[in-house]
């Protein structure tokens, strides 16, 4: 889990971010995880697709399950104050950035997953 400071409070989140031009969802997940945790990971499965409307701003999260390979740096994205490995009990005692964080945890515990092949990256397709 990554720790961020939002409105003066420390909150937990999963690594998250935005797509760079020309980047696939899987490439973005690997890059964002490295930038925010310092860890290289191998994607294993799709966890879920999440939609959250907060104060008029809509967030979409594509959740992944990944295996950690190795920590390659301790330099983290400037928005991240710390990176933590936490037990389930520890997760319940900490404030989360949004309800999506707990929903992803619950889905993972329940064994929810789909193959990465569910994600299609056809590139730029001509209009139909």
N, C-alpha and C. Protein backbone atom coordinates (compact mmCIF):
# COMPACT_ATOMS: atom_id res chain seq x y z
N UNK A 1 0.85 -1.17 0.00
CA UNK A 1 0.00 0.00 0.00
C UNK A 1 0.90 1.23 0.00
N UNK A 2 0.39 2.28 -0.63
CA UNK A 2 1.11 3.55 -0.59
C UNK A 2 0.37 4.50 0.34
N UNK A 3 1.14 5.36 0.97
CA UNK A 3 0.57 6.36 1.86
C UNK A 3 0.71 7.72 1.20
N UNK A 4 -0.38 8.46 1.21
CA UNK A 4 -0.42 9.80 0.64
C UNK A 4 -0.97 10.75 1.70
N UNK A 5 -0.67 12.02 1.57
CA UNK A 5 -1.27 13.00 2.47
C UNK A 5 -2.33 13.77 1.69
N UNK A 6 -3.57 13.67 2.16
CA UNK A 6 -4.69 14.35 1.53
C UNK A 6 -5.34 15.24 2.59
N UNK A 7 -5.39 16.53 2.33
CA UNK A 7 -5.99 17.50 3.25
C UNK A 7 -5.43 17.34 4.67
N UNK A 8 -4.12 17.12 4.75
CA UNK A 8 -3.45 17.04 6.04
C UNK A 8 -3.55 15.70 6.74
N UNK A 9 -4.19 14.71 6.12
CA UNK A 9 -4.35 13.39 6.73
C UNK A 9 -3.60 12.34 5.92
N UNK A 10 -2.95 11.41 6.61
CA UNK A 10 -2.29 10.29 5.95
C UNK A 10 -3.34 9.25 5.58
N UNK A 11 -3.41 8.88 4.30
CA UNK A 11 -4.38 7.90 3.82
C UNK A 11 -3.67 6.84 3.00
N UNK A 12 -4.27 5.65 2.95
CA UNK A 12 -3.73 4.55 2.17
C UNK A 12 -4.41 4.45 0.82
N UNK A 13 -3.64 4.04 -0.15
CA UNK A 13 -4.15 3.82 -1.50
C UNK A 13 -3.34 2.69 -2.12
N UNK A 14 -3.87 2.09 -3.16
CA UNK A 14 -3.05 1.22 -3.98
C UNK A 14 -2.31 2.12 -4.97
N UNK A 15 -1.18 1.65 -5.50
CA UNK A 15 -0.54 2.45 -6.55
C UNK A 15 -1.56 2.75 -7.65
N UNK A 16 -1.58 3.99 -8.09
CA UNK A 16 -2.58 4.41 -9.08
C UNK A 16 -2.02 5.57 -9.88
N UNK A 17 -2.63 5.83 -11.00
CA UNK A 17 -2.16 6.95 -11.81
C UNK A 17 -2.89 7.03 -13.13
N UNK A 18 -2.20 7.59 -14.08
CA UNK A 18 -2.79 7.85 -15.39
C UNK A 18 -1.96 7.18 -16.48
N UNK A 19 -2.60 7.00 -17.61
CA UNK A 19 -1.91 6.45 -18.78
C UNK A 19 -1.06 7.53 -19.44
N UNK A 20 0.12 7.15 -19.85
CA UNK A 20 0.95 8.02 -20.69
C UNK A 20 0.58 7.75 -22.14
N UNK A 21 0.79 8.72 -23.03
CA UNK A 21 0.47 8.50 -24.45
C UNK A 21 1.16 7.24 -24.99
N UNK A 22 0.39 6.41 -25.67
CA UNK A 22 0.92 5.20 -26.29
C UNK A 22 1.11 4.03 -25.34
N UNK A 23 0.76 4.20 -24.07
CA UNK A 23 0.97 3.17 -23.06
C UNK A 23 -0.27 2.29 -22.91
N UNK A 24 -0.07 0.99 -22.71
CA UNK A 24 -1.20 0.10 -22.44
C UNK A 24 -1.55 0.17 -20.95
N UNK A 25 -2.70 -0.36 -20.59
CA UNK A 25 -3.09 -0.40 -19.18
C UNK A 25 -2.10 -1.19 -18.34
N UNK A 26 -1.63 -2.30 -18.87
CA UNK A 26 -0.69 -3.14 -18.14
C UNK A 26 0.65 -2.42 -17.99
N UNK A 27 1.13 -1.79 -19.05
CA UNK A 27 2.38 -1.02 -18.96
C UNK A 27 2.26 0.10 -17.93
N UNK A 28 1.09 0.76 -17.90
CA UNK A 28 0.88 1.84 -16.93
C UNK A 28 0.89 1.29 -15.51
N UNK A 29 0.28 0.14 -15.28
CA UNK A 29 0.27 -0.45 -13.95
C UNK A 29 1.69 -0.77 -13.48
N UNK A 30 2.49 -1.36 -14.34
CA UNK A 30 3.87 -1.69 -13.98
C UNK A 30 4.66 -0.42 -13.69
N UNK A 31 4.52 0.60 -14.53
CA UNK A 31 5.24 1.86 -14.35
C UNK A 31 4.80 2.57 -13.07
N UNK A 32 3.49 2.70 -12.88
CA UNK A 32 2.98 3.41 -11.69
C UNK A 32 3.40 2.70 -10.41
N UNK A 33 3.36 1.37 -10.42
CA UNK A 33 3.78 0.62 -9.23
C UNK A 33 5.25 0.88 -8.93
N UNK A 34 6.08 0.89 -9.96
CA UNK A 34 7.50 1.17 -9.76
C UNK A 34 7.71 2.60 -9.24
N UNK A 35 7.03 3.56 -9.85
CA UNK A 35 7.19 4.95 -9.43
C UNK A 35 6.72 5.20 -8.00
N UNK A 36 5.65 4.52 -7.60
CA UNK A 36 5.05 4.82 -6.30
C UNK A 36 5.51 3.90 -5.17
N UNK A 37 6.11 2.75 -5.51
CA UNK A 37 6.56 1.82 -4.47
C UNK A 37 8.04 1.48 -4.54
N UNK A 38 8.65 1.69 -5.71
CA UNK A 38 10.04 1.28 -5.89
C UNK A 38 10.19 -0.19 -6.26
N UNK A 39 9.06 -0.89 -6.45
CA UNK A 39 9.09 -2.33 -6.73
C UNK A 39 8.76 -2.63 -8.18
N UNK A 40 9.52 -3.57 -8.76
CA UNK A 40 9.16 -4.15 -10.05
C UNK A 40 8.17 -5.26 -9.78
N UNK A 41 7.14 -5.34 -10.60
CA UNK A 41 6.11 -6.37 -10.44
C UNK A 41 5.82 -7.03 -11.78
N UNK A 42 5.25 -8.22 -11.69
CA UNK A 42 4.76 -8.93 -12.87
C UNK A 42 3.25 -9.03 -12.75
N UNK A 43 2.50 -8.47 -13.70
CA UNK A 43 1.05 -8.58 -13.64
C UNK A 43 0.60 -10.03 -13.78
N UNK A 44 -0.37 -10.42 -12.96
CA UNK A 44 -0.87 -11.79 -12.97
C UNK A 44 -2.31 -11.89 -13.45
N UNK A 45 -3.16 -10.92 -13.03
CA UNK A 45 -4.59 -11.01 -13.37
C UNK A 45 -5.23 -9.64 -13.25
N UNK A 46 -6.40 -9.54 -13.84
CA UNK A 46 -7.24 -8.35 -13.70
C UNK A 46 -8.12 -8.57 -12.47
N UNK A 47 -8.12 -7.62 -11.54
CA UNK A 47 -8.93 -7.72 -10.33
C UNK A 47 -10.35 -7.24 -10.57
N UNK A 48 -10.49 -6.09 -11.22
CA UNK A 48 -11.82 -5.55 -11.46
C UNK A 48 -11.74 -4.16 -12.06
N UNK A 49 -12.90 -3.67 -12.46
CA UNK A 49 -13.04 -2.31 -12.99
C UNK A 49 -13.98 -1.58 -12.04
N UNK A 50 -13.53 -0.44 -11.54
CA UNK A 50 -14.24 0.26 -10.47
C UNK A 50 -14.58 1.68 -10.92
N UNK A 51 -15.76 2.12 -10.51
CA UNK A 51 -16.27 3.45 -10.87
C UNK A 51 -16.64 4.14 -9.57
N UNK A 52 -16.14 5.36 -9.38
CA UNK A 52 -16.42 6.09 -8.14
C UNK A 52 -16.65 7.56 -8.48
N UNK A 53 -17.79 8.08 -8.04
CA UNK A 53 -18.13 9.49 -8.26
C UNK A 53 -17.99 10.21 -6.93
N UNK A 54 -17.04 11.11 -6.85
CA UNK A 54 -16.78 11.85 -5.61
C UNK A 54 -16.83 13.34 -5.88
N UNK A 55 -17.80 13.99 -5.28
CA UNK A 55 -17.95 15.44 -5.37
C UNK A 55 -17.96 15.91 -6.83
N UNK A 56 -18.63 15.15 -7.69
CA UNK A 56 -18.75 15.55 -9.08
C UNK A 56 -17.61 15.15 -9.98
N UNK A 57 -16.59 14.52 -9.42
CA UNK A 57 -15.48 14.01 -10.23
C UNK A 57 -15.60 12.49 -10.28
N UNK A 58 -15.54 11.95 -11.48
CA UNK A 58 -15.68 10.51 -11.66
C UNK A 58 -14.29 9.89 -11.81
N UNK A 59 -14.07 8.84 -11.03
CA UNK A 59 -12.81 8.10 -11.09
C UNK A 59 -13.09 6.69 -11.59
N UNK A 60 -12.23 6.19 -12.46
CA UNK A 60 -12.28 4.81 -12.89
C UNK A 60 -10.96 4.17 -12.51
N UNK A 61 -11.05 3.02 -11.90
CA UNK A 61 -9.83 2.28 -11.54
C UNK A 61 -9.90 0.92 -12.18
N UNK A 62 -8.81 0.55 -12.84
CA UNK A 62 -8.63 -0.80 -13.35
C UNK A 62 -7.70 -1.47 -12.35
N UNK A 63 -8.25 -2.40 -11.57
CA UNK A 63 -7.46 -3.06 -10.53
C UNK A 63 -6.76 -4.29 -11.06
N UNK A 64 -5.51 -4.46 -10.66
CA UNK A 64 -4.69 -5.59 -11.09
C UNK A 64 -4.21 -6.38 -9.89
N UNK A 65 -3.90 -7.63 -10.13
CA UNK A 65 -3.18 -8.47 -9.19
C UNK A 65 -1.80 -8.68 -9.80
N UNK A 66 -0.77 -8.45 -8.99
CA UNK A 66 0.59 -8.57 -9.50
C UNK A 66 1.47 -9.27 -8.46
N UNK A 67 2.52 -9.88 -8.94
CA UNK A 67 3.50 -10.52 -8.07
C UNK A 67 4.72 -9.61 -7.95
N UNK A 68 5.19 -9.36 -6.72
CA UNK A 68 6.39 -8.54 -6.55
C UNK A 68 7.62 -9.31 -6.99
N UNK A 69 8.52 -8.63 -7.70
CA UNK A 69 9.77 -9.26 -8.13
C UNK A 69 10.92 -8.81 -7.25
N UNK A 70 11.14 -7.50 -7.23
CA UNK A 70 12.23 -6.97 -6.41
C UNK A 70 12.07 -5.47 -6.24
N UNK A 71 12.57 -4.99 -5.10
CA UNK A 71 12.62 -3.55 -4.89
C UNK A 71 13.87 -3.05 -5.58
N UNK A 72 13.69 -2.05 -6.44
CA UNK A 72 14.83 -1.55 -7.21
C UNK A 72 15.22 -0.13 -6.84
N UNK A 73 14.38 0.54 -6.06
CA UNK A 73 14.70 1.90 -5.63
C UNK A 73 13.91 2.25 -4.38
N UNK A 74 14.42 3.18 -3.63
CA UNK A 74 13.68 3.72 -2.49
C UNK A 74 13.17 5.12 -2.80
N UNK A 75 13.48 5.60 -4.00
CA UNK A 75 12.99 6.90 -4.44
C UNK A 75 11.54 6.73 -4.92
N UNK A 76 10.62 7.44 -4.27
CA UNK A 76 9.20 7.32 -4.60
C UNK A 76 8.68 8.59 -5.24
N UNK A 77 7.58 8.45 -5.97
CA UNK A 77 6.87 9.59 -6.55
C UNK A 77 6.70 10.65 -5.45
N UNK A 78 6.85 11.94 -5.79
CA UNK A 78 6.76 12.98 -4.75
C UNK A 78 5.43 13.03 -4.00
N UNK A 79 4.35 12.53 -4.60
CA UNK A 79 3.05 12.53 -3.92
C UNK A 79 2.91 11.41 -2.88
N UNK A 80 3.85 10.48 -2.88
CA UNK A 80 3.79 9.33 -1.97
C UNK A 80 4.71 9.61 -0.79
N UNK A 81 4.15 9.49 0.42
CA UNK A 81 4.96 9.74 1.62
C UNK A 81 5.61 8.47 2.15
N UNK A 82 5.05 7.29 1.84
CA UNK A 82 5.64 6.03 2.29
C UNK A 82 4.99 4.87 1.54
N UNK A 83 5.66 3.74 1.59
CA UNK A 83 5.15 2.50 1.02
C UNK A 83 5.14 1.48 2.14
N UNK A 84 4.03 0.73 2.28
CA UNK A 84 3.88 -0.20 3.40
C UNK A 84 3.45 -1.58 2.93
N UNK A 85 3.96 -2.62 3.57
CA UNK A 85 3.44 -3.98 3.48
C UNK A 85 2.64 -4.16 4.76
N UNK A 86 1.33 -4.34 4.66
CA UNK A 86 0.45 -4.39 5.82
C UNK A 86 -0.36 -5.68 5.87
N UNK A 87 -0.66 -6.11 7.08
CA UNK A 87 -1.56 -7.25 7.26
C UNK A 87 -3.00 -6.77 7.07
N UNK A 88 -3.92 -7.72 6.94
CA UNK A 88 -5.34 -7.35 6.83
C UNK A 88 -5.79 -6.59 8.07
N UNK A 89 -5.34 -7.02 9.22
CA UNK A 89 -5.72 -6.32 10.46
C UNK A 89 -5.21 -4.88 10.45
N UNK A 90 -3.99 -4.68 9.99
CA UNK A 90 -3.44 -3.32 9.93
C UNK A 90 -4.19 -2.46 8.92
N UNK A 91 -4.64 -3.07 7.83
CA UNK A 91 -5.38 -2.31 6.82
C UNK A 91 -6.69 -1.75 7.37
N UNK A 92 -7.30 -2.46 8.28
CA UNK A 92 -8.59 -2.01 8.80
C UNK A 92 -8.46 -0.86 9.79
N UNK A 93 -7.26 -0.62 10.29
CA UNK A 93 -7.08 0.45 11.28
C UNK A 93 -6.66 1.76 10.65
N UNK A 94 -6.45 1.77 9.36
CA UNK A 94 -5.94 2.96 8.67
C UNK A 94 -7.00 3.56 7.76
N UNK A 95 -6.95 4.87 7.60
CA UNK A 95 -7.89 5.56 6.70
C UNK A 95 -7.48 5.33 5.26
N UNK A 96 -8.47 5.05 4.40
CA UNK A 96 -8.22 4.83 2.98
C UNK A 96 -8.56 6.09 2.20
N UNK A 97 -7.93 6.24 1.05
CA UNK A 97 -8.17 7.42 0.23
C UNK A 97 -9.60 7.48 -0.29
N UNK A 98 -10.16 6.32 -0.64
CA UNK A 98 -11.54 6.26 -1.14
C UNK A 98 -12.10 4.88 -0.85
N UNK A 99 -13.41 4.70 -1.01
CA UNK A 99 -14.02 3.37 -0.81
C UNK A 99 -13.51 2.34 -1.80
N UNK A 100 -12.96 2.77 -2.92
CA UNK A 100 -12.43 1.82 -3.92
C UNK A 100 -11.29 1.00 -3.33
N UNK A 101 -10.51 1.59 -2.44
CA UNK A 101 -9.38 0.87 -1.84
C UNK A 101 -9.88 -0.38 -1.12
N UNK A 102 -10.86 -0.23 -0.24
CA UNK A 102 -11.38 -1.38 0.49
C UNK A 102 -12.09 -2.35 -0.44
N UNK A 103 -12.79 -1.85 -1.44
CA UNK A 103 -13.47 -2.72 -2.38
C UNK A 103 -12.47 -3.61 -3.12
N UNK A 104 -11.34 -3.05 -3.52
CA UNK A 104 -10.30 -3.85 -4.18
C UNK A 104 -9.75 -4.91 -3.23
N UNK A 105 -9.54 -4.53 -1.98
CA UNK A 105 -9.05 -5.49 -0.99
C UNK A 105 -10.06 -6.62 -0.82
N UNK A 106 -11.33 -6.26 -0.65
CA UNK A 106 -12.39 -7.27 -0.49
C UNK A 106 -12.47 -8.21 -1.68
N UNK A 107 -12.37 -7.65 -2.88
CA UNK A 107 -12.44 -8.48 -4.09
C UNK A 107 -11.25 -9.44 -4.17
N UNK A 108 -10.07 -8.96 -3.78
CA UNK A 108 -8.88 -9.82 -3.79
C UNK A 108 -9.03 -10.95 -2.79
N UNK A 109 -9.48 -10.63 -1.58
CA UNK A 109 -9.67 -11.65 -0.54
C UNK A 109 -10.70 -12.69 -0.99
N UNK A 110 -11.72 -12.24 -1.72
CA UNK A 110 -12.77 -13.14 -2.21
C UNK A 110 -12.30 -14.01 -3.37
N UNK A 111 -11.09 -13.75 -3.88
CA UNK A 111 -10.56 -14.55 -4.98
C UNK A 111 -11.01 -14.09 -6.35
N UNK A 112 -11.58 -12.90 -6.43
CA UNK A 112 -12.04 -12.40 -7.74
C UNK A 112 -10.84 -12.12 -8.63
N UNK A 113 -10.91 -12.59 -9.85
CA UNK A 113 -9.89 -12.25 -10.84
C UNK A 113 -10.34 -12.69 -12.22
N UNK A 114 -9.78 -12.03 -13.20
CA UNK A 114 -10.03 -12.36 -14.60
C UNK A 114 -8.68 -12.38 -15.31
N UNK A 115 -8.60 -13.11 -16.41
CA UNK A 115 -7.32 -13.15 -17.12
C UNK A 115 -6.96 -11.80 -17.72
N UNK A 116 -5.67 -11.53 -17.79
CA UNK A 116 -5.20 -10.28 -18.40
C UNK A 116 -5.64 -10.18 -19.86
N UNK A 117 -5.92 -11.30 -20.49
CA UNK A 117 -6.37 -11.29 -21.89
C UNK A 117 -7.71 -10.60 -22.06
N UNK A 118 -8.43 -10.33 -20.96
CA UNK A 118 -9.68 -9.57 -21.06
C UNK A 118 -9.40 -8.14 -21.49
N UNK A 119 -8.18 -7.66 -21.31
CA UNK A 119 -7.82 -6.30 -21.72
C UNK A 119 -7.31 -6.34 -23.15
N UNK A 120 -7.89 -5.53 -23.99
CA UNK A 120 -7.49 -5.47 -25.39
C UNK A 120 -6.82 -4.13 -25.66
N UNK A 121 -5.72 -4.16 -26.34
CA UNK A 121 -4.97 -2.95 -26.70
C UNK A 121 -4.71 -2.95 -28.21
N UNK A 122 -5.75 -2.69 -29.00
CA UNK A 122 -5.57 -2.78 -30.44
C UNK A 122 -4.80 -1.59 -31.04
N UNK A 123 -4.45 -0.61 -30.24
CA UNK A 123 -3.77 0.57 -30.79
C UNK A 123 -4.78 1.47 -31.47
N UNK A 124 -4.31 2.23 -32.40
CA UNK A 124 -5.20 3.15 -33.11
C UNK A 124 -5.93 2.41 -34.22
N UNK A 125 -7.23 2.30 -34.05
CA UNK A 125 -8.03 1.64 -35.07
C UNK A 125 -8.65 2.70 -35.98
N UNK A 126 -8.79 2.40 -37.26
CA UNK A 126 -9.47 3.34 -38.14
C UNK A 126 -10.94 3.43 -37.75
N UNK A 127 -11.58 4.57 -37.95
CA UNK A 127 -13.01 4.69 -37.63
C UNK A 127 -13.81 3.71 -38.47
N UNK A 128 -14.94 3.27 -37.93
CA UNK A 128 -15.82 2.35 -38.65
C UNK A 128 -16.78 3.11 -39.50
